Amino acid sequence: NTERISLVSSFAASLFLGDYAPIDHSD
């Protein structure tokens, strides 16, 4: 039932973006 798995970092970015944010290379 999961549509997207975020890291804490990309989850936080999603709150600012208003959309799913990508995971960055370093994390």
PDB file of all heavy atoms in Angstrom:
ATOM      1  N   ASN A   1       0.817  -1.210   0.000  1.00  0.00           N
ATOM      2  CA  ASN A   1       0.000   0.000   0.000  1.00  0.00           C
ATOM      3  C   ASN A   1       0.855   1.267   0.000  1.00  0.00           C
ATOM      4  O   ASN A   1       0.350   2.362   0.156  1.00  0.00           O
ATOM      5  CB  ASN A   1      -0.937   0.016   1.227  1.00  0.00           C
ATOM      6  CG  ASN A   1      -2.039   1.045   1.112  1.00  0.00           C
ATOM      7  OD1 ASN A   1      -2.492   1.371   0.017  1.00  0.00           O
ATOM      8  ND2 ASN A   1      -2.465   1.591   2.246  1.00  0.00           N
ATOM      9  N   THR A   2       2.172   1.094  -0.168  1.00  0.00           N
ATOM     10  CA  THR A   2       3.095   2.233  -0.167  1.00  0.00           C
ATOM     11  C   THR A   2       3.315   2.740  -1.585  1.00  0.00           C
ATOM     12  O   THR A   2       3.675   1.979  -2.482  1.00  0.00           O
ATOM     13  CB  THR A   2       4.451   1.833   0.460  1.00  0.00           C
ATOM     14  OG1 THR A   2       4.242   1.491   1.824  1.00  0.00           O
ATOM     15  CG2 THR A   2       5.452   2.975   0.370  1.00  0.00           C
ATOM     16  N   GLU A   3       3.098   4.030  -1.762  1.00  0.00           N
ATOM     17  CA  GLU A   3       3.268   4.674  -3.070  1.00  0.00           C
ATOM     18  C   GLU A   3       4.693   5.188  -3.256  1.00  0.00           C
ATOM     19  O   GLU A   3       5.258   5.101  -4.353  1.00  0.00           O
ATOM     20  CB  GLU A   3       2.281   5.846  -3.154  1.00  0.00           C
ATOM     21  CG  GLU A   3       2.272   6.615  -4.443  1.00  0.00           C
ATOM     22  CD  GLU A   3       1.127   7.618  -4.453  1.00  0.00           C
ATOM     23  OE1 GLU A   3       1.252   8.689  -3.806  1.00  0.00           O
ATOM     24  OE2 GLU A   3       0.085   7.313  -5.077  1.00  0.00           O
ATOM     25  N   ARG A   4       5.284   5.719  -2.195  1.00  0.00           N
ATOM     26  CA  ARG A   4       6.646   6.253  -2.249  1.00  0.00           C
ATOM     27  C   ARG A   4       7.338   6.013  -0.906  1.00  0.00           C
ATOM     28  O   ARG A   4       6.717   6.178   0.140  1.00  0.00           O
ATOM     29  CB  ARG A   4       6.628   7.756  -2.556  1.00  0.00           C
ATOM     30  CG  ARG A   4       7.992   8.466  -2.508  1.00  0.00           C
ATOM     31  CD  ARG A   4       8.963   7.938  -3.536  1.00  0.00           C
ATOM     32  NE  ARG A   4       8.608   8.268  -4.900  1.00  0.00           N
ATOM     33  CZ  ARG A   4       9.126   9.276  -5.605  1.00  0.00           C
ATOM     34  NH1 ARG A   4      10.046  10.039  -5.063  1.00  0.00           N
ATOM     35  NH2 ARG A   4       8.738   9.496  -6.839  1.00  0.00           N
ATOM     36  N   ILE A   5       8.603   5.601  -0.987  1.00  0.00           N
ATOM     37  CA  ILE A   5       9.431   5.492   0.204  1.00  0.00           C
ATOM     38  C   ILE A   5      10.431   6.640   0.181  1.00  0.00           C
ATOM     39  O   ILE A   5      11.176   6.801  -0.793  1.00  0.00           O
ATOM     40  CB  ILE A   5      10.185   4.143   0.272  1.00  0.00           C
ATOM     41  CG1 ILE A   5       9.186   2.982   0.314  1.00  0.00           C
ATOM     42  CG2 ILE A   5      11.101   4.100   1.496  1.00  0.00           C
ATOM     43  CD1 ILE A   5       9.832   1.602   0.211  1.00  0.00           C
ATOM     44  N   SER A   6      10.402   7.451   1.239  1.00  0.00           N
ATOM     45  CA  SER A   6      11.330   8.575   1.366  1.00  0.00           C
ATOM     46  C   SER A   6      12.332   8.288   2.474  1.00  0.00           C
ATOM     47  O   SER A   6      12.039   7.545   3.414  1.00  0.00           O
ATOM     48  CB  SER A   6      10.583   9.869   1.722  1.00  0.00           C
ATOM     49  OG  SER A   6       9.686  10.264   0.714  1.00  0.00           O
ATOM     50  N   LEU A   7      13.496   8.879   2.374  1.00  0.00           N
ATOM     51  CA  LEU A   7      14.356   9.020   3.535  1.00  0.00           C
ATOM     52  C   LEU A   7      13.851  10.206   4.336  1.00  0.00           C
ATOM     53  O   LEU A   7      13.029  11.001   3.858  1.00  0.00           O
ATOM     54  CB  LEU A   7      15.804   9.253   3.101  1.00  0.00           C
ATOM     55  CG  LEU A   7      16.461   8.121   2.314  1.00  0.00           C
ATOM     56  CD1 LEU A   7      17.896   8.479   1.955  1.00  0.00           C
ATOM     57  CD2 LEU A   7      16.415   6.814   3.089  1.00  0.00           C
ATOM     58  N   VAL A   8      14.306  10.351   5.570  1.00  0.00           N
ATOM     59  CA  VAL A   8      13.864  11.501   6.365  1.00  0.00           C
ATOM     60  C   VAL A   8      14.182  12.791   5.623  1.00  0.00           C
ATOM     61  O   VAL A   8      13.390  13.741   5.622  1.00  0.00           O
ATOM     62  CB  VAL A   8      14.509  11.486   7.766  1.00  0.00           C
ATOM     63  CG1 VAL A   8      14.099  12.724   8.569  1.00  0.00           C
ATOM     64  CG2 VAL A   8      14.123  10.221   8.528  1.00  0.00           C
ATOM     65  N   SER A   9      15.338  12.824   4.959  1.00  0.00           N
ATOM     66  CA  SER A   9      15.732  14.037   4.230  1.00  0.00           C
ATOM     67  C   SER A   9      14.768  14.347   3.085  1.00  0.00           C
ATOM     68  O   SER A   9      14.282  15.477   2.958  1.00  0.00           O
ATOM     69  CB  SER A   9      17.163  13.898   3.698  1.00  0.00           C
ATOM     70  OG  SER A   9      17.289  12.742   2.888  1.00  0.00           O
ATOM     71  N   SER A  10      14.469  13.362   2.239  1.00  0.00           N
ATOM     72  CA  SER A  10      13.586  13.634   1.094  1.00  0.00           C
ATOM     73  C   SER A  10      12.131  13.811   1.544  1.00  0.00           C
ATOM     74  O   SER A  10      11.358  14.524   0.898  1.00  0.00           O
ATOM     75  CB  SER A  10      13.702  12.527   0.046  1.00  0.00           C
ATOM     76  OG  SER A  10      13.373  11.258   0.576  1.00  0.00           O
ATOM     77  N   PHE A  11      11.750  13.174   2.658  1.00  0.00           N
ATOM     78  CA  PHE A  11      10.439  13.422   3.256  1.00  0.00           C
ATOM     79  C   PHE A  11      10.315  14.887   3.653  1.00  0.00           C
ATOM     80  O   PHE A  11       9.318  15.556   3.361  1.00  0.00           O
ATOM     81  CB  PHE A  11      10.254  12.510   4.471  1.00  0.00           C
ATOM     82  CG  PHE A  11       9.249  12.997   5.478  1.00  0.00           C
ATOM     83  CD1 PHE A  11       7.889  12.862   5.240  1.00  0.00           C
ATOM     84  CD2 PHE A  11       9.664  13.593   6.666  1.00  0.00           C
ATOM     85  CE1 PHE A  11       6.955  13.316   6.176  1.00  0.00           C
ATOM     86  CE2 PHE A  11       8.751  14.037   7.596  1.00  0.00           C
ATOM     87  CZ  PHE A  11       7.394  13.908   7.358  1.00  0.00           C
ATOM     88  N   ALA A  12      11.337  15.410   4.342  1.00  0.00           N
ATOM     89  CA  ALA A  12      11.306  16.813   4.769  1.00  0.00           C
ATOM     90  C   ALA A  12      11.240  17.744   3.566  1.00  0.00           C
ATOM     91  O   ALA A  12      10.485  18.725   3.551  1.00  0.00           O
ATOM     92  CB  ALA A  12      12.531  17.121   5.621  1.00  0.00           C
ATOM     93  N   ALA A  13      12.018  17.428   2.523  1.00  0.00           N
ATOM     94  CA  ALA A  13      11.982  18.244   1.306  1.00  0.00           C
ATOM     95  C   ALA A  13      10.596  18.222   0.676  1.00  0.00           C
ATOM     96  O   ALA A  13      10.130  19.224   0.123  1.00  0.00           O
ATOM     97  CB  ALA A  13      13.030  17.744   0.315  1.00  0.00           C
ATOM     98  N   SER A  14       9.907  17.077   0.766  1.00  0.00           N
ATOM     99  CA  SER A  14       8.565  16.958   0.186  1.00  0.00           C
ATOM    100  C   SER A  14       7.580  17.912   0.854  1.00  0.00           C
ATOM    101  O   SER A  14       6.663  18.426   0.200  1.00  0.00           O
ATOM    102  CB  SER A  14       8.065  15.515   0.334  1.00  0.00           C
ATOM    103  OG  SER A  14       8.923  14.598  -0.312  1.00  0.00           O
ATOM    104  N   LEU A  15       7.761  18.160   2.150  1.00  0.00           N
ATOM    105  CA  LEU A  15       6.875  19.086   2.859  1.00  0.00           C
ATOM    106  C   LEU A  15       7.017  20.501   2.316  1.00  0.00           C
ATOM    107  O   LEU A  15       6.058  21.278   2.328  1.00  0.00           O
ATOM    108  CB  LEU A  15       7.169  19.058   4.362  1.00  0.00           C
ATOM    109  CG  LEU A  15       7.004  17.710   5.070  1.00  0.00           C
ATOM    110  CD1 LEU A  15       7.277  17.848   6.558  1.00  0.00           C
ATOM    111  CD2 LEU A  15       5.619  17.109   4.820  1.00  0.00           C
ATOM    112  N   PHE A  16       8.208  20.866   1.874  1.00  0.00           N
ATOM    113  CA  PHE A  16       8.422  22.197   1.297  1.00  0.00           C
ATOM    114  C   PHE A  16       7.997  22.244  -0.159  1.00  0.00           C
ATOM    115  O   PHE A  16       7.496  23.257  -0.643  1.00  0.00           O
ATOM    116  CB  PHE A  16       9.905  22.574   1.400  1.00  0.00           C
ATOM    117  CG  PHE A  16      10.355  22.920   2.787  1.00  0.00           C
ATOM    118  CD1 PHE A  16      10.986  21.970   3.580  1.00  0.00           C
ATOM    119  CD2 PHE A  16      10.149  24.189   3.306  1.00  0.00           C
ATOM    120  CE1 PHE A  16      11.396  22.286   4.865  1.00  0.00           C
ATOM    121  CE2 PHE A  16      10.555  24.513   4.587  1.00  0.00           C
ATOM    122  CZ  PHE A  16      11.178  23.566   5.372  1.00  0.00           C
ATOM    123  N   LEU A  17       8.191  21.150  -0.871  1.00  0.00           N
ATOM    124  CA  LEU A  17       7.955  21.113  -2.307  1.00  0.00           C
ATOM    125  C   LEU A  17       6.476  20.943  -2.653  1.00  0.00           C
ATOM    126  O   LEU A  17       6.026  21.365  -3.719  1.00  0.00           O
ATOM    127  CB  LEU A  17       8.769  19.958  -2.895  1.00  0.00           C
ATOM    128  CG  LEU A  17       9.090  19.950  -4.371  1.00  0.00           C
ATOM    129  CD1 LEU A  17       9.921  21.171  -4.749  1.00  0.00           C
ATOM    130  CD2 LEU A  17       9.874  18.670  -4.713  1.00  0.00           C
ATOM    131  N   GLY A  18       5.716  20.284  -1.733  1.00  0.00           N
ATOM    132  CA  GLY A  18       4.331  19.973  -2.051  1.00  0.00           C
ATOM    133  C   GLY A  18       4.234  18.866  -3.084  1.00  0.00           C
ATOM    134  O   GLY A  18       3.268  18.770  -3.847  1.00  0.00           O
ATOM    135  N   ASP A  19       5.213  18.000  -3.098  1.00  0.00           N
ATOM    136  CA  ASP A  19       5.264  16.865  -4.023  1.00  0.00           C
ATOM    137  C   ASP A  19       6.360  15.940  -3.511  1.00  0.00           C
ATOM    138  O   ASP A  19       7.177  16.339  -2.679  1.00  0.00           O
ATOM    139  CB  ASP A  19       5.584  17.341  -5.441  1.00  0.00           C
ATOM    140  CG  ASP A  19       5.251  16.298  -6.516  1.00  0.00           C
ATOM    141  OD1 ASP A  19       4.820  15.182  -6.148  1.00  0.00           O
ATOM    142  OD2 ASP A  19       5.437  16.606  -7.701  1.00  0.00           O
ATOM    143  N   TYR A  20       6.393  14.719  -4.021  1.00  0.00           N
ATOM    144  CA  TYR A  20       7.455  13.823  -3.594  1.00  0.00           C
ATOM    145  C   TYR A  20       8.812  14.359  -4.067  1.00  0.00           C
ATOM    146  O   TYR A  20       9.010  14.596  -5.265  1.00  0.00           O
ATOM    147  CB  TYR A  20       7.239  12.422  -4.144  1.00  0.00           C
ATOM    148  CG  TYR A  20       6.047  11.704  -3.563  1.00  0.00           C
ATOM    149  CD1 TYR A  20       5.336  10.782  -4.322  1.00  0.00           C
ATOM    150  CD2 TYR A  20       5.625  11.943  -2.253  1.00  0.00           C
ATOM    151  CE1 TYR A  20       4.235  10.105  -3.798  1.00  0.00           C
ATOM    152  CE2 TYR A  20       4.531  11.280  -1.728  1.00  0.00           C
ATOM    153  CZ  TYR A  20       3.839  10.369  -2.495  1.00  0.00           C
ATOM    154  OH  TYR A  20       2.757   9.705  -1.974  1.00  0.00           O
ATOM    155  N   ALA A  21       9.720  14.524  -3.136  1.00  0.00           N
ATOM    156  CA  ALA A  21      11.065  14.992  -3.458  1.00  0.00           C
ATOM    157  C   ALA A  21      11.973  13.789  -3.709  1.00  0.00           C
ATOM    158  O   ALA A  21      11.819  12.743  -3.073  1.00  0.00           O
ATOM    159  CB  ALA A  21      11.620  15.841  -2.318  1.00  0.00           C
ATOM    160  N   PRO A  22      12.926  13.917  -4.605  1.00  0.00           N
ATOM    161  CA  PRO A  22      13.848  12.801  -4.865  1.00  0.00           C
ATOM    162  C   PRO A  22      14.849  12.618  -3.726  1.00  0.00           C
ATOM    163  O   PRO A  22      15.150  13.545  -2.973  1.00  0.00           O
ATOM    164  CB  PRO A  22      14.556  13.233  -6.151  1.00  0.00           C
ATOM    165  CG  PRO A  22      14.493  14.733  -6.130  1.00  0.00           C
ATOM    166  CD  PRO A  22      13.189  15.079  -5.470  1.00  0.00           C
ATOM    167  N   ILE A  23      15.338  11.406  -3.613  1.00  0.00           N
ATOM    168  CA  ILE A  23      16.440  11.105  -2.689  1.00  0.00           C
ATOM    169  C   ILE A  23      17.732  11.589  -3.331  1.00  0.00           C
ATOM    170  O   ILE A  23      17.955  11.399  -4.524  1.00  0.00           O
ATOM    171  CB  ILE A  23      16.502   9.586  -2.423  1.00  0.00           C
ATOM    172  CG1 ILE A  23      15.275   9.141  -1.616  1.00  0.00           C
ATOM    173  CG2 ILE A  23      17.792   9.198  -1.701  1.00  0.00           C
ATOM    174  CD1 ILE A  23      15.125   7.639  -1.486  1.00  0.00           C
ATOM    175  N   ASP A  24      18.578  12.247  -2.546  1.00  0.00           N
ATOM    176  CA  ASP A  24      19.833  12.735  -3.116  1.00  0.00           C
ATOM    177  C   ASP A  24      20.906  11.645  -3.049  1.00  0.00           C
ATOM    178  O   ASP A  24      20.800  10.689  -2.276  1.00  0.00           O
ATOM    179  CB  ASP A  24      20.306  13.999  -2.373  1.00  0.00           C
ATOM    180  CG  ASP A  24      21.152  13.672  -1.172  1.00  0.00           C
ATOM    181  OD1 ASP A  24      20.586  13.131  -0.195  1.00  0.00           O
ATOM    182  OD2 ASP A  24      22.364  13.912  -1.199  1.00  0.00           O
ATOM    183  N   HIS A  25      21.939  11.804  -3.836  1.00  0.00           N
ATOM    184  CA  HIS A  25      22.988  10.791  -3.924  1.00  0.00           C
ATOM    185  C   HIS A  25      23.687  10.544  -2.593  1.00  0.00           C
ATOM    186  O   HIS A  25      23.967   9.398  -2.231  1.00  0.00           O
ATOM    187  CB  HIS A  25      24.039  11.199  -4.967  1.00  0.00           C
ATOM    188  CG  HIS A  25      23.534  11.186  -6.367  1.00  0.00           C
ATOM    189  ND1 HIS A  25      24.136  11.887  -7.394  1.00  0.00           N
ATOM    190  CD2 HIS A  25      22.477  10.544  -6.933  1.00  0.00           C
ATOM    191  CE1 HIS A  25      23.482  11.681  -8.523  1.00  0.00           C
ATOM    192  NE2 HIS A  25      22.463  10.881  -8.268  1.00  0.00           N
ATOM    193  N   SER A  26      23.988  11.613  -1.845  1.00  0.00           N
ATOM    194  CA  SER A  26      24.789  11.420  -0.631  1.00  0.00           C
ATOM    195  C   SER A  26      24.019  10.653   0.432  1.00  0.00           C
ATOM    196  O   SER A  26      24.568   9.766   1.083  1.00  0.00           O
ATOM    197  CB  SER A  26      25.263  12.773  -0.082  1.00  0.00           C
ATOM    198  OG  SER A  26      24.201  13.520   0.453  1.00  0.00           O
ATOM    199  N   ASP A  27      22.741  10.960   0.617  1.00  0.00           N
ATOM    200  CA  ASP A  27      21.939  10.215   1.590  1.00  0.00           C
ATOM    201  C   ASP A  27      21.569   8.844   1.038  1.00  0.00           C
ATOM    202  O   ASP A  27      21.476   7.860   1.770  1.00  0.00           O
ATOM    203  CB  ASP A  27      20.676  11.008   1.954  1.00  0.00           C
ATOM    204  CG  ASP A  27      20.219  10.742   3.386  1.00  0.00           C
ATOM    205  OD1 ASP A  27      20.931  10.041   4.128  1.00  0.00           O
ATOM    206  OD2 ASP A  27      19.150  11.253   3.769  1.00  0.00           O
TER     207      ASP A  27
END
